[in-house]
Amino acid sequence: MSVHEATRGEPSPQGVVAAVSCNDAYSFSKPNRPAIELVAGLGVRGDVHAGVTVRHRSRVAADPTQPNLRQVHLIPAELHDQVRGVGHEVPAGGLGENVTTSGLDLFGLPCGTVLRFGPPPPVPGNGSRNGEPVSTRGARGDEQTHGNGPGDVVAAAEQTSLDAATAGAVAVLSAVIEAEAARGGSADPRAAVVITGLRNPCQQINRFSPGLLKEVLGKDSDGNLVRRAGVMAVVLRGGTVRPGDPIAVEVPAVVPHRALDRV
């Protein structure tokens, strides 16, 4: 079964975590770690980009009230392999991602796809063994140690003006949160994220490796921009993520799917 054929409630374990990375200071690359901890509605514990509202410096400078749809950055290891073939040595974490995946076509997944990390629970239940229950509460707490849940991000979005791409991603995120709550948000203890969109590549990539930007930003046959610098996500459920963890993919049950756009 391909990830495109999978539906919510019918996960397709297609990938594995190749590496995890985080940094508590602003830097282009992030050092690898033995494990990272996801915090629901905030991001990676201790990472500089964790928060309910935007944390990337360019986004903060433009409008600090915007919702943070870029809490977790994921890149497929296959991209590293591809650019290495044309002379760019990019290690895991080199482009600033928190999670480096293997075996997943991240760029082919629709907005609202849920990625769950780790082995599936042996028996469905209501335990919260390794994670935090999903909450749809709308408090605006930005502390990095306690999150009220991904609903905080939606609440933040409701307090500010959004462009079309961001508004569309927030609407999908809200639907995923509601669906997760309806199915029993604490039933699956695995750490999980909701893919919200694409990273928008910038000139910093060329400063990291001259000429790399054109390998991750181009145009298709119709002249549309193609961004391949990773996907962004919001933490749906907290928990620990380690290299070697399997990744289960759940695409939204509602069709048509929303294609990934820049966030």
C-alpha atoms as a PDB file:
ATOM      1  CA  MET A   1       0.000   0.000   0.000  1.00  0.00           C
ATOM      2  CA  SER A   2       1.335   3.414  -0.890  1.00  0.00           C
ATOM      3  CA  VAL A   3       1.081   6.396   1.421  1.00  0.00           C
ATOM      4  CA  HIS A   4      -1.305   7.943  -1.087  1.00  0.00           C
ATOM      5  CA  GLU A   5      -3.698   5.014  -0.713  1.00  0.00           C
ATOM      6  CA  ALA A   6      -3.669   5.043   3.081  1.00  0.00           C
ATOM      7  CA  THR A   7      -6.568   6.658   4.912  1.00  0.00           C
ATOM      8  CA  ARG A   8      -6.981   7.939   8.431  1.00  0.00           C
ATOM      9  CA  GLY A   9      -7.275   4.938  10.731  1.00  0.00           C
ATOM     10  CA  GLU A  10      -5.403   2.823   8.178  1.00  0.00           C
ATOM     11  CA  PRO A  11      -1.780   3.874   8.751  1.00  0.00           C
ATOM     12  CA  SER A  12       0.953   2.974   6.302  1.00  0.00           C
ATOM     13  CA  PRO A  13       4.301   2.455   8.101  1.00  0.00           C
ATOM     14  CA  GLN A  14       6.526   3.426   5.237  1.00  0.00           C
ATOM     15  CA  GLY A  15       9.467   5.189   6.789  1.00  0.00           C
ATOM     16  CA  VAL A  16      11.975   5.369   9.583  1.00  0.00           C
ATOM     17  CA  VAL A  17      13.670   8.162  11.521  1.00  0.00           C
ATOM     18  CA  ALA A  18      17.239   8.460  10.245  1.00  0.00           C
ATOM     19  CA  ALA A  19      18.371  11.223  12.627  1.00  0.00           C
ATOM     20  CA  VAL A  20      17.029  13.857  15.016  1.00  0.00           C
ATOM     21  CA  SER A  21      18.467  17.310  15.653  1.00  0.00           C
ATOM     22  CA  CYS A  22      17.760  20.443  17.667  1.00  0.00           C
ATOM     23  CA  ASN A  23      19.441  23.607  18.874  1.00  0.00           C
ATOM     24  CA  ASP A  24      18.537  26.119  21.565  1.00  0.00           C
ATOM     25  CA  ALA A  25      20.235  28.935  19.652  1.00  0.00           C
ATOM     26  CA  TYR A  26      19.607  30.369  16.188  1.00  0.00           C
ATOM     27  CA  SER A  27      21.833  28.619  13.644  1.00  0.00           C
ATOM     28  CA  PHE A  28      21.385  27.390  10.103  1.00  0.00           C
ATOM     29  CA  SER A  29      22.399  23.800  10.872  1.00  0.00           C
ATOM     30  CA  LYS A  30      21.346  21.830  13.948  1.00  0.00           C
ATOM     31  CA  PRO A  31      23.474  19.256  15.791  1.00  0.00           C
ATOM     32  CA  ASN A  32      22.326  15.650  15.895  1.00  0.00           C
ATOM     33  CA  ARG A  33      20.956  14.333  19.179  1.00  0.00           C
ATOM     34  CA  PRO A  34      20.358  10.813  20.530  1.00  0.00           C
ATOM     35  CA  ALA A  35      16.684  11.794  20.960  1.00  0.00           C
ATOM     36  CA  ILE A  36      14.349  14.794  20.875  1.00  0.00           C
ATOM     37  CA  GLU A  37      11.169  15.414  22.816  1.00  0.00           C
ATOM     38  CA  LEU A  38       8.114  16.783  21.065  1.00  0.00           C
ATOM     39  CA  VAL A  39       5.742  18.990  23.073  1.00  0.00           C
ATOM     40  CA  ALA A  40       2.144  19.171  21.847  1.00  0.00           C
ATOM     41  CA  GLY A  41       1.343  22.518  20.267  1.00  0.00           C
ATOM     42  CA  LEU A  42       4.856  23.888  20.784  1.00  0.00           C
ATOM     43  CA  GLY A  43       7.510  21.910  18.928  1.00  0.00           C
ATOM     44  CA  VAL A  44      10.796  20.342  19.998  1.00  0.00           C
ATOM     45  CA  ARG A  45      11.601  20.876  23.660  1.00  0.00           C
ATOM     46  CA  GLY A  46      14.606  23.190  23.978  1.00  0.00           C
ATOM     47  CA  ASP A  47      14.651  24.096  20.287  1.00  0.00           C
ATOM     48  CA  VAL A  48      14.837  27.787  19.403  1.00  0.00           C
ATOM     49  CA  HIS A  49      11.941  27.432  16.958  1.00  0.00           C
ATOM     50  CA  ALA A  50       9.486  25.982  19.499  1.00  0.00           C
ATOM     51  CA  GLY A  51       6.451  28.144  20.206  1.00  0.00           C
ATOM     52  CA  VAL A  52       2.789  28.782  19.510  1.00  0.00           C
ATOM     53  CA  THR A  53       3.545  31.840  17.381  1.00  0.00           C
ATOM     54  CA  VAL A  54       6.325  32.190  14.803  1.00  0.00           C
ATOM     55  CA  ARG A  55       9.919  31.778  15.986  1.00  0.00           C
ATOM     56  CA  HIS A  56      11.924  31.990  12.768  1.00  0.00           C
ATOM     57  CA  ARG A  57      13.635  35.361  12.875  1.00  0.00           C
ATOM     58  CA  SER A  58      12.432  36.563   9.477  1.00  0.00           C
ATOM     59  CA  ARG A  59       8.842  35.682  10.400  1.00  0.00           C
ATOM     60  CA  VAL A  60       9.106  37.347  13.812  1.00  0.00           C
ATOM     61  CA  ALA A  61      10.431  40.519  12.177  1.00  0.00           C
ATOM     62  CA  ALA A  62       7.560  40.555   9.684  1.00  0.00           C
ATOM     63  CA  ASP A  63       4.709  39.733  12.106  1.00  0.00           C
ATOM     64  CA  PRO A  64       5.292  38.061  15.484  1.00  0.00           C
ATOM     65  CA  THR A  65       1.557  37.332  15.919  1.00  0.00           C
ATOM     66  CA  GLN A  66       1.434  34.745  13.135  1.00  0.00           C
ATOM     67  CA  PRO A  67       0.743  31.112  14.143  1.00  0.00           C
ATOM     68  CA  ASN A  68       3.761  28.843  14.195  1.00  0.00           C
ATOM     69  CA  LEU A  69       3.115  26.228  11.523  1.00  0.00           C
ATOM     70  CA  ARG A  70       6.874  25.517  11.423  1.00  0.00           C
ATOM     71  CA  GLN A  71       7.356  23.911  14.835  1.00  0.00           C
ATOM     72  CA  VAL A  72       9.072  20.822  13.436  1.00  0.00           C
ATOM     73  CA  HIS A  73      11.155  20.707  10.245  1.00  0.00           C
ATOM     74  CA  LEU A  74      11.509  17.383   8.428  1.00  0.00           C
ATOM     75  CA  ILE A  75      13.736  16.490   5.465  1.00  0.00           C
ATOM     76  CA  PRO A  76      14.060  13.140   3.673  1.00  0.00           C
ATOM     77  CA  ALA A  77      17.540  11.613   3.715  1.00  0.00           C
ATOM     78  CA  GLU A  78      16.973  10.861   0.043  1.00  0.00           C
ATOM     79  CA  LEU A  79      17.280  14.593  -0.679  1.00  0.00           C
ATOM     80  CA  HIS A  80      20.708  14.589   0.941  1.00  0.00           C
ATOM     81  CA  ASP A  81      21.668  11.681  -1.307  1.00  0.00           C
ATOM     82  CA  GLN A  82      20.421  13.497  -4.411  1.00  0.00           C
ATOM     83  CA  VAL A  83      22.316  16.727  -3.770  1.00  0.00           C
ATOM     84  CA  ARG A  84      25.408  14.784  -2.755  1.00  0.00           C
ATOM     85  CA  GLY A  85      25.346  13.362  -6.269  1.00  0.00           C
ATOM     86  CA  VAL A  86      25.895  16.857  -7.687  1.00  0.00           C
ATOM     87  CA  GLY A  87      28.605  17.859  -5.253  1.00  0.00           C
ATOM     88  CA  HIS A  88      26.839  19.121  -2.139  1.00  0.00           C
ATOM     89  CA  GLU A  89      27.733  17.348   1.101  1.00  0.00           C
ATOM     90  CA  VAL A  90      24.727  17.798   3.376  1.00  0.00           C
ATOM     91  CA  PRO A  91      24.660  15.831   6.634  1.00  0.00           C
ATOM     92  CA  ALA A  92      21.549  15.126   8.693  1.00  0.00           C
ATOM     93  CA  GLY A  93      20.593  18.374  10.394  1.00  0.00           C
ATOM     94  CA  GLY A  94      22.714  20.349   7.942  1.00  0.00           C
ATOM     95  CA  LEU A  95      19.751  22.249   6.522  1.00  0.00           C
ATOM     96  CA  GLY A  96      18.309  22.850   9.971  1.00  0.00           C
ATOM     97  CA  GLU A  97      15.792  20.023  10.100  1.00  0.00           C
ATOM     98  CA  ASN A  98      14.699  18.439  13.365  1.00  0.00           C
ATOM     99  CA  VAL A  99      13.824  15.047  11.894  1.00  0.00           C
ATOM    100  CA  THR A 100      15.612  13.382   9.001  1.00  0.00           C
ATOM    101  CA  THR A 101      13.449  10.629   7.529  1.00  0.00           C
ATOM    102  CA  SER A 102      14.226   7.652   5.325  1.00  0.00           C
ATOM    103  CA  GLY A 103      11.840   5.846   3.002  1.00  0.00           C
ATOM    104  CA  LEU A 104       9.157   8.546   2.854  1.00  0.00           C
ATOM    105  CA  ASP A 105       8.122  10.796  -0.021  1.00  0.00           C
ATOM    106  CA  LEU A 106       7.515  13.758   2.282  1.00  0.00           C
ATOM    107  CA  PHE A 107       6.998  16.180  -0.588  1.00  0.00           C
ATOM    108  CA  GLY A 108       4.246  14.007  -2.060  1.00  0.00           C
ATOM    109  CA  LEU A 109       2.119  14.009   1.095  1.00  0.00           C
ATOM    110  CA  PRO A 110      -0.893  16.317   1.404  1.00  0.00           C
ATOM    111  CA  CYS A 111      -1.389  19.013   4.009  1.00  0.00           C
ATOM    112  CA  GLY A 112      -2.839  17.511   7.184  1.00  0.00           C
ATOM    113  CA  THR A 113      -0.956  14.224   6.965  1.00  0.00           C
ATOM    114  CA  VAL A 114      -0.221  12.836  10.427  1.00  0.00           C
ATOM    115  CA  LEU A 115       3.135  11.184  11.075  1.00  0.00           C
ATOM    116  CA  ARG A 116       3.323   8.966  14.168  1.00  0.00           C
ATOM    117  CA  PHE A 117       6.731   7.960  15.513  1.00  0.00           C
ATOM    118  CA  GLY A 118       7.614   4.671  17.147  1.00  0.00           C
ATOM    119  CA  PRO A 119       6.102   1.185  17.199  1.00  0.00           C
ATOM    120  CA  PRO A 120       2.305   1.022  17.329  1.00  0.00           C
ATOM    121  CA  PRO A 121       0.719   0.332  20.705  1.00  0.00           C
ATOM    122  CA  PRO A 122       0.172  -3.429  21.189  1.00  0.00           C
ATOM    123  CA  VAL A 123      -3.376  -2.969  22.473  1.00  0.00           C
ATOM    124  CA  PRO A 124      -5.589   0.055  21.740  1.00  0.00           C
ATOM    125  CA  GLY A 125      -6.507   1.839  24.950  1.00  0.00           C
ATOM    126  CA  ASN A 126      -6.695   5.119  26.738  1.00  0.00           C
ATOM    127  CA  GLY A 127      -3.223   5.156  28.259  1.00  0.00           C
ATOM    128  CA  SER A 128      -0.795   8.037  27.874  1.00  0.00           C
ATOM    129  CA  ARG A 129       2.336   5.932  28.281  1.00  0.00           C
ATOM    130  CA  ASN A 130       4.782   7.927  26.204  1.00  0.00           C
ATOM    131  CA  GLY A 131       2.981  11.075  25.180  1.00  0.00           C
ATOM    132  CA  GLU A 132       0.706  13.923  26.054  1.00  0.00           C
ATOM    133  CA  PRO A 133      -3.011  13.765  25.305  1.00  0.00           C
ATOM    134  CA  VAL A 134      -4.195  15.956  22.471  1.00  0.00           C
ATOM    135  CA  SER A 135      -5.905  19.108  23.685  1.00  0.00           C
ATOM    136  CA  THR A 136      -7.936  21.569  21.679  1.00  0.00           C
ATOM    137  CA  ARG A 137      -7.774  24.247  24.366  1.00  0.00           C
ATOM    138  CA  GLY A 138      -7.048  27.691  22.995  1.00  0.00           C
ATOM    139  CA  ALA A 139      -4.851  29.248  25.670  1.00  0.00           C
ATOM    140  CA  ARG A 140      -1.965  31.301  24.291  1.00  0.00           C
ATOM    141  CA  GLY A 141       0.801  29.984  26.543  1.00  0.00           C
ATOM    142  CA  ASP A 142       4.183  30.089  24.787  1.00  0.00           C
ATOM    143  CA  GLU A 143       6.262  28.405  27.467  1.00  0.00           C
ATOM    144  CA  GLN A 144       8.469  25.623  26.138  1.00  0.00           C
ATOM    145  CA  THR A 145       7.911  23.208  29.006  1.00  0.00           C
ATOM    146  CA  HIS A 146       4.116  22.953  29.011  1.00  0.00           C
ATOM    147  CA  GLY A 147       1.870  23.035  25.978  1.00  0.00           C
ATOM    148  CA  ASN A 148      -1.913  23.133  25.967  1.00  0.00           C
ATOM    149  CA  GLY A 149      -1.993  21.386  22.605  1.00  0.00           C
ATOM    150  CA  PRO A 150      -2.120  22.186  18.896  1.00  0.00           C
ATOM    151  CA  GLY A 151      -5.399  24.020  19.410  1.00  0.00           C
ATOM    152  CA  ASP A 152      -3.268  26.871  20.739  1.00  0.00           C
ATOM    153  CA  VAL A 153      -1.864  27.364  17.241  1.00  0.00           C
ATOM    154  CA  VAL A 154      -5.352  27.557  15.770  1.00  0.00           C
ATOM    155  CA  ALA A 155      -6.352  30.018  18.499  1.00  0.00           C
ATOM    156  CA  ALA A 156      -3.329  32.170  17.672  1.00  0.00           C
ATOM    157  CA  ALA A 157      -4.347  32.176  14.016  1.00  0.00           C
ATOM    158  CA  GLU A 158      -7.791  33.444  14.941  1.00  0.00           C
ATOM    159  CA  GLN A 159      -6.256  36.527  16.553  1.00  0.00           C
ATOM    160  CA  THR A 160      -4.403  37.807  13.499  1.00  0.00           C
ATOM    161  CA  SER A 161      -4.734  38.259   9.732  1.00  0.00           C
ATOM    162  CA  LEU A 162      -3.511  35.419   7.528  1.00  0.00           C
ATOM    163  CA  ASP A 163      -2.528  35.093   3.906  1.00  0.00           C
ATOM    164  CA  ALA A 164      -4.330  32.498   1.818  1.00  0.00           C
ATOM    165  CA  ALA A 165      -1.657  29.798   2.131  1.00  0.00           C
ATOM    166  CA  THR A 166      -1.476  30.104   5.912  1.00  0.00           C
ATOM    167  CA  ALA A 167      -5.258  30.266   6.321  1.00  0.00           C
ATOM    168  CA  GLY A 168      -5.682  27.111   4.261  1.00  0.00           C
ATOM    169  CA  ALA A 169      -3.091  25.228   6.303  1.00  0.00           C
ATOM    170  CA  VAL A 170      -4.671  26.372   9.588  1.00  0.00           C
ATOM    171  CA  ALA A 171      -8.094  25.178   8.414  1.00  0.00           C
ATOM    172  CA  VAL A 172      -6.670  21.736   7.659  1.00  0.00           C
ATOM    173  CA  LEU A 173      -4.831  21.642  10.991  1.00  0.00           C
ATOM    174  CA  SER A 174      -8.060  22.500  12.809  1.00  0.00           C
ATOM    175  CA  ALA A 175      -9.887  19.668  11.036  1.00  0.00           C
ATOM    176  CA  VAL A 176      -7.148  17.195  11.992  1.00  0.00           C
ATOM    177  CA  ILE A 177      -7.329  18.264  15.647  1.00  0.00           C
ATOM    178  CA  GLU A 178     -11.108  17.783  15.660  1.00  0.00           C
ATOM    179  CA  ALA A 179     -10.814  14.369  14.012  1.00  0.00           C
ATOM    180  CA  GLU A 180      -8.139  13.288  16.490  1.00  0.00           C
ATOM    181  CA  ALA A 181     -10.281  14.363  19.433  1.00  0.00           C
ATOM    182  CA  ALA A 182     -13.309  12.558  17.999  1.00  0.00           C
ATOM    183  CA  ARG A 183     -11.425   9.289  17.705  1.00  0.00           C
ATOM    184  CA  GLY A 184     -10.042   9.607  21.247  1.00  0.00           C
ATOM    185  CA  GLY A 185      -6.922  11.745  21.301  1.00  0.00           C
ATOM    186  CA  SER A 186      -5.191   9.758  24.035  1.00  0.00           C
ATOM    187  CA  ALA A 187      -5.795   6.332  22.497  1.00  0.00           C
ATOM    188  CA  ASP A 188      -2.480   6.241  20.635  1.00  0.00           C
ATOM    189  CA  PRO A 189       0.526   7.077  22.833  1.00  0.00           C
ATOM    190  CA  ARG A 190       2.941   7.729  19.983  1.00  0.00           C
ATOM    191  CA  ALA A 191       4.464  11.148  19.395  1.00  0.00           C
ATOM    192  CA  ALA A 192       2.838  12.662  16.326  1.00  0.00           C
ATOM    193  CA  VAL A 193       3.014  15.717  14.077  1.00  0.00           C
ATOM    194  CA  VAL A 194       0.690  17.217  11.467  1.00  0.00           C
ATOM    195  CA  ILE A 195       2.351  18.289   8.226  1.00  0.00           C
ATOM    196  CA  THR A 196       1.322  21.878   7.474  1.00  0.00           C
ATOM    197  CA  GLY A 197       3.385  22.892   4.457  1.00  0.00           C
ATOM    198  CA  LEU A 198       6.719  23.443   2.784  1.00  0.00           C
ATOM    199  CA  ARG A 199       9.802  25.285   3.877  1.00  0.00           C
ATOM    200  CA  ASN A 200      10.427  28.272   1.638  1.00  0.00           C
ATOM    201  CA  PRO A 201      14.121  28.029   0.630  1.00  0.00           C
ATOM    202  CA  CYS A 202      16.203  31.170   1.002  1.00  0.00           C
ATOM    203  CA  GLN A 203      19.711  32.409   0.198  1.00  0.00           C
ATOM    204  CA  GLN A 204      21.073  30.983   3.452  1.00  0.00           C
ATOM    205  CA  ILE A 205      21.129  27.635   1.654  1.00  0.00           C
ATOM    206  CA  ASN A 206      23.658  28.992  -0.847  1.00  0.00           C
ATOM    207  CA  ARG A 207      25.781  30.311   2.009  1.00  0.00           C
ATOM    208  CA  PHE A 208      25.802  26.816   3.459  1.00  0.00           C
ATOM    209  CA  SER A 209      26.836  25.304   0.097  1.00  0.00           C
ATOM    210  CA  PRO A 210      27.192  27.545  -2.973  1.00  0.00           C
ATOM    211  CA  GLY A 211      24.783  26.512  -5.722  1.00  0.00           C
ATOM    212  CA  LEU A 212      22.626  24.321  -3.468  1.00  0.00           C
ATOM    213  CA  LEU A 213      19.607  26.618  -3.626  1.00  0.00           C
ATOM    214  CA  LYS A 214      18.890  25.786  -7.262  1.00  0.00           C
ATOM    215  CA  GLU A 215      18.804  22.104  -6.338  1.00  0.00           C
ATOM    216  CA  VAL A 216      15.980  22.644  -3.824  1.00  0.00           C
ATOM    217  CA  LEU A 217      14.077  25.458  -5.540  1.00  0.00           C
ATOM    218  CA  GLY A 218      12.988  25.217  -9.148  1.00  0.00           C
ATOM    219  CA  LYS A 219       9.986  25.187 -11.462  1.00  0.00           C
ATOM    220  CA  ASP A 220       7.886  22.424 -12.942  1.00  0.00           C
ATOM    221  CA  SER A 221       6.845  22.129 -16.581  1.00  0.00           C
ATOM    222  CA  ASP A 222       3.958  24.536 -15.954  1.00  0.00           C
ATOM    223  CA  GLY A 223       6.195  27.179 -14.434  1.00  0.00           C
ATOM    224  CA  ASN A 224       5.067  26.585 -10.864  1.00  0.00           C
ATOM    225  CA  LEU A 225       7.610  26.853  -8.055  1.00  0.00           C
ATOM    226  CA  VAL A 226       8.818  23.545  -6.663  1.00  0.00           C
ATOM    227  CA  ARG A 227      10.196  23.716  -3.126  1.00  0.00           C
ATOM    228  CA  ARG A 228      12.259  20.794  -1.827  1.00  0.00           C
ATOM    229  CA  ALA A 229      13.936  22.146   1.302  1.00  0.00           C
ATOM    230  CA  GLY A 230      11.771  20.123   3.661  1.00  0.00           C
ATOM    231  CA  VAL A 231       8.286  20.061   5.115  1.00  0.00           C
ATOM    232  CA  MET A 232       7.013  21.805   8.235  1.00  0.00           C
ATOM    233  CA  ALA A 233       4.732  20.434  10.929  1.00  0.00           C
ATOM    234  CA  VAL A 234       2.881  21.184  14.162  1.00  0.00           C
ATOM    235  CA  VAL A 235       3.141  18.768  17.090  1.00  0.00           C
ATOM    236  CA  LEU A 236      -0.156  16.926  17.515  1.00  0.00           C
ATOM    237  CA  ARG A 237       0.986  14.751  20.395  1.00  0.00           C
ATOM    238  CA  GLY A 238       4.101  14.968  22.534  1.00  0.00           C
ATOM    239  CA  GLY A 239       6.656  12.242  23.120  1.00  0.00           C
ATOM    240  CA  THR A 240      10.198  11.144  22.428  1.00  0.00           C
ATOM    241  CA  VAL A 241      11.539  10.560  18.917  1.00  0.00           C
ATOM    242  CA  ARG A 242      14.752   8.624  18.307  1.00  0.00           C
ATOM    243  CA  PRO A 243      16.750   7.471  15.287  1.00  0.00           C
ATOM    244  CA  GLY A 244      15.439   4.101  14.169  1.00  0.00           C
ATOM    245  CA  ASP A 245      11.839   4.814  15.150  1.00  0.00           C
ATOM    246  CA  PRO A 246       9.339   3.647  12.531  1.00  0.00           C
ATOM    247  CA  ILE A 247       7.058   6.298  11.046  1.00  0.00           C
ATOM    248  CA  ALA A 248       3.386   5.586  10.394  1.00  0.00           C
ATOM    249  CA  VAL A 249       1.702   7.812   7.818  1.00  0.00           C
ATOM    250  CA  GLU A 250      -1.974   8.764   7.944  1.00  0.00           C
ATOM    251  CA  VAL A 251      -3.227  10.946   5.120  1.00  0.00           C
ATOM    252  CA  PRO A 252      -6.447  12.934   5.610  1.00  0.00           C
ATOM    253  CA  ALA A 253      -9.617  10.947   5.044  1.00  0.00           C
ATOM    254  CA  VAL A 254     -11.385  13.947   3.519  1.00  0.00           C
ATOM    255  CA  VAL A 255     -10.767  14.458  -0.199  1.00  0.00           C
ATOM    256  CA  PRO A 256      -9.778  16.277  -2.281  1.00  0.00           C
ATOM    257  CA  HIS A 257      -6.530  16.718  -0.407  1.00  0.00           C
ATOM    258  CA  ARG A 258      -4.883  20.115  -0.048  1.00  0.00           C
ATOM    259  CA  ALA A 259      -1.465  20.153  -1.686  1.00  0.00           C
ATOM    260  CA  LEU A 260       1.454  21.415   0.397  1.00  0.00           C
ATOM    261  CA  ASP A 261       2.165  25.125   0.042  1.00  0.00           C
ATOM    262  CA  ARG A 262       4.798  27.330   1.653  1.00  0.00           C
ATOM    263  CA  VAL A 263       4.199  28.194   5.298  1.00  0.00           C
END
